[in-house]
Amino acid sequence: REPGANLPELSPLQQEISQWWEKSDSRFCMVLGGERAGKSLISAFLAGKCIRPDIKGEYWVVGPDYRQARVEFTYIYNALMEAGLVAGQASMPLAETSPWSFHTIWGAVVKTRSSNDIAKLASFRVAGVIMAEAAQQEYAVFLKLMGRVSETGGFLILSGTLEKGQAW
C-alpha cells in the first residue's frame, strides 16, 4: 500500500499542493500558513511520498527542539505503520529533550532532530528533511540542511508560520 494513503484526508488546497509536488521536479517546498492550517499534515504527506524503498538512508524532521519535530514525525510514522512498512519498535521517549526514531522494513531511518546545536546536524547522508517551524530556526540551519540533502539529491520541506520568525 502507498504510505500517503494512510494519512488523514487532505483539503482541496492540500491536494493541489500534493499534485504540484508529484508533477514537479523540485526537491524543495515551503509550506506556510496560519495556526491549525494543516501545515504539518501536508508536509508529512509530501515527505511520505518520497520515503520509499528505492531511496535508502536517513530522513529527518528537524525542529527548533525535539518536541516541535514530533507532529510531522507522528504523521509519517502512523502512515508507514498502517501500511506495514515499519520494522520493529519505534523509539519515542516521553522526555521532550529526547529524539524519536523508527526504521522502515527496507532499512531507512526516520528521526527527529533538534537544530539547537547546528554543529550536530552533520556527519550523515540525508535522503530528505522536513524543517518543522522553519521560521523559528536560524538561516544557518537552512543552509546546513541544504548541504545535507545535496549529496543525495534529497528533498527539503520547510514548514511553519512566519510569526516570531527569524529575519531570513
Protein backbone atom coordinates (compact mmCIF):
# COMPACT_ATOMS: atom_id res chain seq x y z
CA ARG A 1 0.00 0.00 0.00
CA GLU A 2 1.07 3.56 -0.63
CA PRO A 3 2.14 5.29 2.64
CA GLY A 4 0.43 8.61 1.88
CA ALA A 5 -2.89 6.79 1.59
CA ASN A 6 -2.90 6.25 5.34
CA LEU A 7 -2.73 9.93 6.29
CA PRO A 8 -5.89 11.88 7.11
CA GLU A 9 -7.78 13.22 4.10
CA LEU A 10 -6.31 16.31 2.51
CA SER A 11 -8.25 19.53 1.93
CA PRO A 12 -8.69 20.71 -1.69
CA LEU A 13 -5.79 23.19 -1.29
CA GLN A 14 -3.58 20.48 0.24
CA GLN A 15 -4.49 18.17 -2.65
CA GLU A 16 -3.44 20.91 -5.07
CA ILE A 17 -0.07 21.25 -3.31
CA SER A 18 0.39 17.46 -3.37
CA GLN A 19 -0.39 17.29 -7.08
CA TRP A 20 2.11 20.09 -7.76
CA TRP A 21 4.78 18.18 -5.80
CA GLU A 22 4.13 14.95 -7.71
CA LYS A 23 4.32 16.68 -11.11
CA SER A 24 7.26 18.91 -10.22
CA ASP A 25 10.91 18.01 -10.39
CA SER A 26 11.55 20.35 -7.46
CA ARG A 27 13.25 18.92 -4.39
CA PHE A 28 12.34 21.91 -2.22
CA CYS A 29 8.97 23.07 -0.96
CA MET A 30 7.83 25.72 1.52
CA VAL A 31 4.53 25.14 3.31
CA LEU A 32 3.36 28.27 5.13
CA GLY A 33 0.07 29.07 6.80
CA GLY A 34 -1.69 30.17 9.92
CA GLU A 35 -2.35 28.26 13.11
CA ARG A 36 -4.08 24.90 12.68
CA ALA A 37 -3.96 25.24 8.88
CA GLY A 38 -2.67 21.69 8.26
CA LYS A 39 0.97 22.55 7.50
CA SER A 40 2.31 19.56 9.43
CA LEU A 41 -0.08 17.19 7.70
CA ILE A 42 0.75 18.33 4.17
CA SER A 43 4.48 18.40 4.95
CA ALA A 44 4.32 14.82 6.24
CA PHE A 45 2.22 13.79 3.25
CA LEU A 46 4.75 15.24 0.80
CA ALA A 47 7.64 13.61 2.66
CA GLY A 48 5.75 10.31 2.80
CA LYS A 49 5.57 10.31 -1.00
CA CYS A 50 9.40 10.48 -1.07
CA ILE A 51 10.20 7.88 1.62
CA ARG A 52 10.27 4.73 -0.44
CA PRO A 53 12.32 1.52 -0.77
CA ASP A 54 14.40 2.64 -3.75
CA ILE A 55 15.77 5.59 -1.74
CA LYS A 56 17.68 4.35 1.28
CA GLY A 57 19.18 6.43 4.04
CA GLU A 58 18.12 8.73 6.83
CA TYR A 59 15.16 11.07 6.83
CA TRP A 60 15.00 13.86 9.39
CA VAL A 61 12.29 16.00 10.88
CA VAL A 62 14.24 18.95 12.28
CA GLY A 63 12.64 21.34 14.72
CA PRO A 64 13.96 24.17 16.88
CA ASP A 65 13.78 21.48 19.59
CA TYR A 66 12.78 17.81 19.62
CA ARG A 67 9.21 18.49 20.77
CA GLN A 68 8.40 20.70 17.79
CA ALA A 69 9.50 18.00 15.36
CA ARG A 70 7.12 15.38 16.75
CA VAL A 71 3.90 16.24 14.91
CA GLU A 72 5.29 15.65 11.41
CA PHE A 73 7.21 12.60 12.66
CA THR A 74 3.99 11.15 14.12
CA TYR A 75 2.07 11.61 10.86
CA ILE A 76 4.84 9.85 8.92
CA TYR A 77 5.17 7.07 11.48
CA ASN A 78 1.42 6.39 11.61
CA ALA A 79 1.13 6.28 7.81
CA LEU A 80 4.07 3.91 7.37
CA MET A 81 3.00 1.78 10.35
CA GLU A 82 -0.54 1.36 8.96
CA ALA A 83 0.97 0.38 5.60
CA GLY A 84 3.07 -2.31 7.32
CA LEU A 85 6.33 -0.59 6.43
CA VAL A 86 7.76 -0.02 9.94
CA ALA A 87 10.30 -2.58 11.18
CA GLY A 88 10.39 -3.36 14.87
CA GLN A 89 9.65 -0.96 17.68
CA ALA A 90 9.93 2.81 17.34
CA SER A 91 11.88 4.82 19.90
CA MET A 92 9.61 7.56 21.27
CA PRO A 93 10.74 8.56 24.78
CA LEU A 94 8.39 10.79 26.75
CA ALA A 95 11.11 13.32 27.63
CA GLU A 96 10.76 16.42 25.45
CA THR A 97 14.55 16.63 25.14
CA SER A 98 14.87 13.17 23.58
CA PRO A 99 14.92 12.31 19.86
CA TRP A 100 12.45 9.91 18.29
CA SER A 101 13.21 7.38 15.55
CA PHE A 102 11.98 4.33 13.67
CA HIS A 103 13.26 2.05 10.89
CA THR A 104 11.43 1.01 7.76
CA ILE A 105 11.36 -2.58 6.55
CA TRP A 106 13.87 -1.68 3.80
CA GLY A 107 16.36 -0.14 6.23
CA ALA A 108 15.65 3.59 6.04
CA VAL A 109 15.61 5.53 9.32
CA VAL A 110 13.29 8.41 10.19
CA LYS A 111 14.47 10.62 13.07
CA THR A 112 13.59 13.81 14.86
CA ARG A 113 16.48 16.20 15.20
CA SER A 114 16.92 19.46 17.07
CA SER A 115 18.59 22.45 15.45
CA ASN A 116 19.53 23.79 18.88
CA ASP A 117 23.16 22.85 18.15
CA ILE A 118 23.74 23.32 14.42
CA ALA A 119 27.09 21.50 14.53
CA LYS A 120 25.26 18.25 15.40
CA LEU A 121 23.35 18.35 12.11
CA ALA A 122 26.35 16.77 10.41
CA SER A 123 28.10 13.51 9.56
CA PHE A 124 25.20 11.77 7.82
CA ARG A 125 23.91 11.48 4.29
CA VAL A 126 20.28 12.55 4.47
CA ALA A 127 17.73 11.47 1.90
CA GLY A 128 15.14 14.04 2.96
CA VAL A 129 14.29 16.62 5.60
CA ILE A 130 11.25 18.39 6.94
CA MET A 131 12.33 21.62 8.63
CA ALA A 132 9.43 21.99 11.11
CA GLU A 133 8.72 25.51 12.36
CA ALA A 134 11.37 26.67 9.89
CA ALA A 135 10.94 30.38 10.63
CA GLN A 136 11.90 29.77 14.26
CA GLN A 137 15.25 28.35 13.20
CA GLU A 138 18.42 30.13 12.15
CA TYR A 139 19.29 30.67 8.48
CA ALA A 140 22.47 28.67 9.15
CA VAL A 141 20.25 25.63 9.88
CA PHE A 142 18.57 26.01 6.49
CA LEU A 143 21.97 26.18 4.79
CA LYS A 144 23.23 23.15 6.75
CA LEU A 145 20.16 21.11 5.76
CA MET A 146 20.52 22.14 2.11
CA GLY A 147 24.04 20.73 2.32
CA ARG A 148 22.85 17.51 3.95
CA VAL A 149 20.40 16.74 1.12
CA SER A 150 22.62 17.98 -1.72
CA GLU A 151 24.76 14.85 -1.75
CA THR A 152 21.75 12.54 -2.06
CA GLY A 153 19.56 14.72 -4.25
CA GLY A 154 17.05 14.52 -1.42
CA PHE A 155 14.12 16.75 -0.57
CA LEU A 156 13.83 19.66 1.86
CA ILE A 157 10.39 20.78 3.01
CA LEU A 158 10.16 23.97 5.09
CA SER A 159 7.02 24.17 7.18
CA GLY A 160 5.54 26.60 9.68
CA THR A 161 4.09 30.01 10.39
CA LEU A 162 6.00 33.23 9.98
CA GLU A 163 5.02 34.74 13.34
CA LYS A 164 8.01 35.35 15.59
CA GLY A 165 10.15 34.22 12.69
CA GLN A 166 13.81 34.84 12.10
CA ALA A 167 14.72 37.71 9.76
CA TRP A 168 15.93 35.47 6.93
